[in-house]
N, C-alpha and C. Protein backbone atom coordinates (compact mmCIF):
# COMPACT_ATOMS: atom_id res chain seq x y z
N MET A 1 3.31 102.71 79.96
CA MET A 1 2.26 103.64 80.31
C MET A 1 2.85 105.01 80.69
N LEU A 2 3.92 105.02 81.50
CA LEU A 2 4.54 106.28 81.89
C LEU A 2 5.11 107.04 80.70
N ILE A 3 5.70 106.31 79.77
CA ILE A 3 6.25 106.95 78.58
C ILE A 3 5.13 107.58 77.75
N GLY A 4 4.03 106.88 77.63
CA GLY A 4 2.88 107.41 76.90
C GLY A 4 2.30 108.64 77.58
N LEU A 5 2.22 108.61 78.90
CA LEU A 5 1.72 109.75 79.65
C LEU A 5 2.65 110.96 79.49
N GLN A 6 3.96 110.72 79.59
CA GLN A 6 4.92 111.80 79.40
C GLN A 6 4.81 112.39 78.00
N TYR A 7 4.69 111.54 77.00
CA TYR A 7 4.54 112.01 75.63
C TYR A 7 3.28 112.85 75.48
N GLY A 8 2.16 112.38 76.05
CA GLY A 8 0.90 113.10 75.95
C GLY A 8 0.96 114.47 76.62
N ILE A 9 1.55 114.54 77.79
CA ILE A 9 1.67 115.82 78.50
C ILE A 9 2.56 116.78 77.73
N THR A 10 3.68 116.28 77.21
CA THR A 10 4.58 117.13 76.42
C THR A 10 3.89 117.62 75.17
N TRP A 11 3.18 116.75 74.49
CA TRP A 11 2.48 117.11 73.26
C TRP A 11 1.45 118.21 73.54
N LEU A 12 0.68 118.03 74.63
CA LEU A 12 -0.33 119.04 74.98
C LEU A 12 0.30 120.37 75.39
N SER A 13 1.39 120.31 76.15
CA SER A 13 2.00 121.57 76.63
C SER A 13 2.61 122.38 75.50
N VAL A 14 3.07 121.72 74.44
CA VAL A 14 3.63 122.43 73.30
C VAL A 14 2.51 123.07 72.47
N ARG A 15 1.35 122.46 72.43
CA ARG A 15 0.29 122.92 71.56
C ARG A 15 -0.78 123.78 72.25
N SER A 16 -0.79 123.79 73.56
CA SER A 16 -1.83 124.54 74.27
C SER A 16 -1.21 125.44 75.34
N ASP A 17 -1.35 126.75 75.16
CA ASP A 17 -0.82 127.69 76.15
C ASP A 17 -1.53 127.53 77.49
N ARG A 18 -2.81 127.28 77.46
CA ARG A 18 -3.58 127.10 78.70
C ARG A 18 -3.09 125.88 79.47
N PHE A 19 -2.85 124.78 78.79
CA PHE A 19 -2.36 123.56 79.44
C PHE A 19 -0.94 123.79 79.97
N GLN A 20 -0.12 124.48 79.20
CA GLN A 20 1.25 124.76 79.63
C GLN A 20 1.26 125.59 80.90
N THR A 21 0.38 126.58 80.99
CA THR A 21 0.27 127.40 82.19
C THR A 21 -0.14 126.55 83.39
N LEU A 22 -0.97 125.57 83.16
CA LEU A 22 -1.45 124.70 84.23
C LEU A 22 -0.35 123.82 84.81
N ILE A 23 0.54 123.29 83.96
CA ILE A 23 1.52 122.32 84.45
C ILE A 23 2.91 122.89 84.72
N LYS A 24 3.24 124.04 84.16
CA LYS A 24 4.57 124.62 84.34
C LYS A 24 4.60 125.47 85.61
N SER A 25 5.75 125.46 86.28
CA SER A 25 5.90 126.29 87.47
C SER A 25 6.68 127.56 87.13
N ASN A 26 6.64 128.51 88.04
CA ASN A 26 7.37 129.76 87.90
C ASN A 26 8.39 129.87 89.02
N PRO A 27 9.47 130.59 88.82
CA PRO A 27 10.42 130.81 89.91
C PRO A 27 9.71 131.51 91.07
N ARG A 28 10.13 131.20 92.30
CA ARG A 28 9.47 131.76 93.49
C ARG A 28 10.50 132.35 94.43
N LEU A 29 10.28 133.57 94.87
CA LEU A 29 11.16 134.25 95.80
C LEU A 29 10.90 133.72 97.21
N LEU A 30 11.93 133.14 97.84
CA LEU A 30 11.80 132.57 99.17
C LEU A 30 12.40 133.45 100.25
N VAL A 31 13.45 134.19 99.90
CA VAL A 31 14.08 135.14 100.82
C VAL A 31 14.31 136.42 100.04
N HIS A 32 13.86 137.53 100.60
CA HIS A 32 14.03 138.83 99.95
C HIS A 32 14.84 139.74 100.86
N ARG A 33 16.08 140.01 100.44
CA ARG A 33 16.98 140.88 101.19
C ARG A 33 17.06 140.50 102.67
N GLY A 34 17.24 139.22 102.90
CA GLY A 34 17.43 138.71 104.26
C GLY A 34 16.17 138.38 105.02
N VAL A 35 15.01 138.64 104.44
CA VAL A 35 13.74 138.37 105.12
C VAL A 35 13.12 137.12 104.51
N TYR A 36 12.92 136.10 105.36
CA TYR A 36 12.29 134.87 104.89
C TYR A 36 10.84 135.13 104.54
N GLN A 37 10.41 134.62 103.41
CA GLN A 37 9.03 134.72 102.96
C GLN A 37 8.34 133.42 103.37
N ASP A 38 7.84 133.39 104.60
CA ASP A 38 7.33 132.15 105.19
C ASP A 38 6.18 131.53 104.40
N ARG A 39 5.30 132.34 103.89
CA ARG A 39 4.17 131.80 103.12
C ARG A 39 4.67 131.10 101.84
N ALA A 40 5.58 131.73 101.14
CA ALA A 40 6.14 131.14 99.92
C ALA A 40 6.90 129.86 100.25
N MET A 41 7.65 129.88 101.36
CA MET A 41 8.40 128.69 101.77
C MET A 41 7.45 127.54 102.10
N ARG A 42 6.36 127.85 102.80
CA ARG A 42 5.38 126.82 103.15
C ARG A 42 4.69 126.28 101.89
N ASP A 43 4.30 127.19 100.98
CA ASP A 43 3.64 126.75 99.74
C ASP A 43 4.54 125.84 98.91
N GLU A 44 5.83 126.15 98.89
CA GLU A 44 6.78 125.38 98.07
C GLU A 44 7.44 124.23 98.85
N ARG A 45 7.11 124.12 100.14
CA ARG A 45 7.65 123.06 101.01
C ARG A 45 9.17 123.09 101.08
N VAL A 46 9.69 124.29 101.34
CA VAL A 46 11.14 124.48 101.49
C VAL A 46 11.40 124.93 102.93
N THR A 47 12.38 124.30 103.58
CA THR A 47 12.68 124.64 104.97
C THR A 47 13.86 125.61 105.04
N ARG A 48 14.01 126.22 106.21
CA ARG A 48 15.15 127.11 106.44
C ARG A 48 16.46 126.33 106.37
N ALA A 49 16.42 125.07 106.76
CA ALA A 49 17.61 124.23 106.69
C ALA A 49 18.05 124.03 105.23
N GLU A 50 17.11 123.86 104.33
CA GLU A 50 17.44 123.71 102.91
C GLU A 50 18.03 125.00 102.35
N ILE A 51 17.49 126.13 102.79
CA ILE A 51 18.04 127.41 102.36
C ILE A 51 19.45 127.59 102.92
N ALA A 52 19.65 127.22 104.19
CA ALA A 52 20.99 127.30 104.79
C ALA A 52 21.98 126.43 104.04
N ALA A 53 21.54 125.25 103.58
CA ALA A 53 22.41 124.36 102.81
C ALA A 53 22.78 125.00 101.47
N ALA A 54 21.82 125.68 100.83
CA ALA A 54 22.11 126.36 99.57
C ALA A 54 23.10 127.50 99.79
N LEU A 55 22.93 128.23 100.90
CA LEU A 55 23.87 129.30 101.23
C LEU A 55 25.27 128.73 101.44
N HIS A 56 25.35 127.65 102.19
CA HIS A 56 26.64 127.02 102.47
C HIS A 56 27.30 126.53 101.18
N ALA A 57 26.50 125.97 100.28
CA ALA A 57 27.05 125.46 99.01
C ALA A 57 27.64 126.58 98.16
N GLN A 58 27.15 127.80 98.34
CA GLN A 58 27.67 128.93 97.57
C GLN A 58 28.64 129.78 98.39
N GLY A 59 29.06 129.26 99.54
CA GLY A 59 30.08 129.93 100.34
C GLY A 59 29.59 131.11 101.15
N LYS A 60 28.30 131.18 101.39
CA LYS A 60 27.72 132.26 102.19
C LYS A 60 27.45 131.74 103.60
N ALA A 61 27.72 132.58 104.60
CA ALA A 61 27.55 132.16 105.98
C ALA A 61 26.14 132.42 106.50
N GLU A 62 25.55 133.53 106.10
CA GLU A 62 24.22 133.88 106.59
C GLU A 62 23.43 134.58 105.51
N VAL A 63 22.13 134.69 105.73
CA VAL A 63 21.23 135.22 104.72
C VAL A 63 21.25 136.75 104.68
N SER A 64 21.62 137.41 105.74
CA SER A 64 21.67 138.88 105.95
C SER A 64 20.95 139.69 104.87
N ASP A 65 21.63 140.12 103.81
CA ASP A 65 20.98 140.95 102.78
C ASP A 65 20.86 140.21 101.44
N LEU A 66 20.87 138.90 101.48
CA LEU A 66 20.79 138.09 100.26
C LEU A 66 19.34 137.78 99.91
N SER A 67 19.13 137.35 98.68
CA SER A 67 17.82 136.85 98.24
C SER A 67 18.00 135.43 97.72
N VAL A 68 16.96 134.63 97.87
CA VAL A 68 16.99 133.23 97.43
C VAL A 68 15.73 132.98 96.60
N ILE A 69 15.94 132.39 95.42
CA ILE A 69 14.84 132.06 94.52
C ILE A 69 14.81 130.55 94.30
N LEU A 70 13.62 129.96 94.37
CA LEU A 70 13.43 128.57 94.00
C LEU A 70 13.16 128.56 92.50
N GLU A 71 14.08 127.96 91.74
CA GLU A 71 13.96 127.92 90.28
C GLU A 71 12.99 126.83 89.85
N THR A 72 12.60 126.86 88.59
CA THR A 72 11.61 125.90 88.08
C THR A 72 12.13 124.47 88.06
N ASP A 73 13.46 124.30 88.08
CA ASP A 73 14.03 122.95 88.10
C ASP A 73 14.24 122.44 89.53
N GLY A 74 13.83 123.23 90.53
CA GLY A 74 13.96 122.81 91.93
C GLY A 74 15.21 123.27 92.63
N SER A 75 16.10 123.93 91.91
CA SER A 75 17.33 124.40 92.53
C SER A 75 17.10 125.74 93.23
N LEU A 76 17.94 126.03 94.21
CA LEU A 76 17.88 127.29 94.93
C LEU A 76 18.99 128.20 94.44
N ASN A 77 18.64 129.39 94.01
CA ASN A 77 19.59 130.36 93.49
C ASN A 77 19.76 131.48 94.52
N VAL A 78 20.98 131.68 95.00
CA VAL A 78 21.27 132.70 96.01
C VAL A 78 22.00 133.85 95.32
N PHE A 79 21.53 135.07 95.57
CA PHE A 79 22.20 136.23 94.99
C PHE A 79 22.02 137.46 95.86
N ALA A 80 22.89 138.43 95.68
CA ALA A 80 22.81 139.70 96.37
C ALA A 80 22.15 140.69 95.43
N PRO A 81 20.98 141.22 95.79
CA PRO A 81 20.31 142.17 94.90
C PRO A 81 21.11 143.47 94.77
N ALA A 82 20.99 144.08 93.61
CA ALA A 82 21.72 145.33 93.35
C ALA A 82 21.03 146.51 93.97
């Protein structure tokens, strides 16, 4: 049943732009130049501890002037804006 459901959703998303928009997510900015975006974090259910773990994994000590994006695959991308 799960395989059939996955096939059906994939089939519909390839053939219908409206359906694809409904089920696909977009990257979301969680921290902008050191400022936590609390509403976005709450909507995406991401905690400050998870962001701190992503910073630590990339060798950063603090958020200061960094930005953090929640990618469509669920990963957190940390970068310094130009």
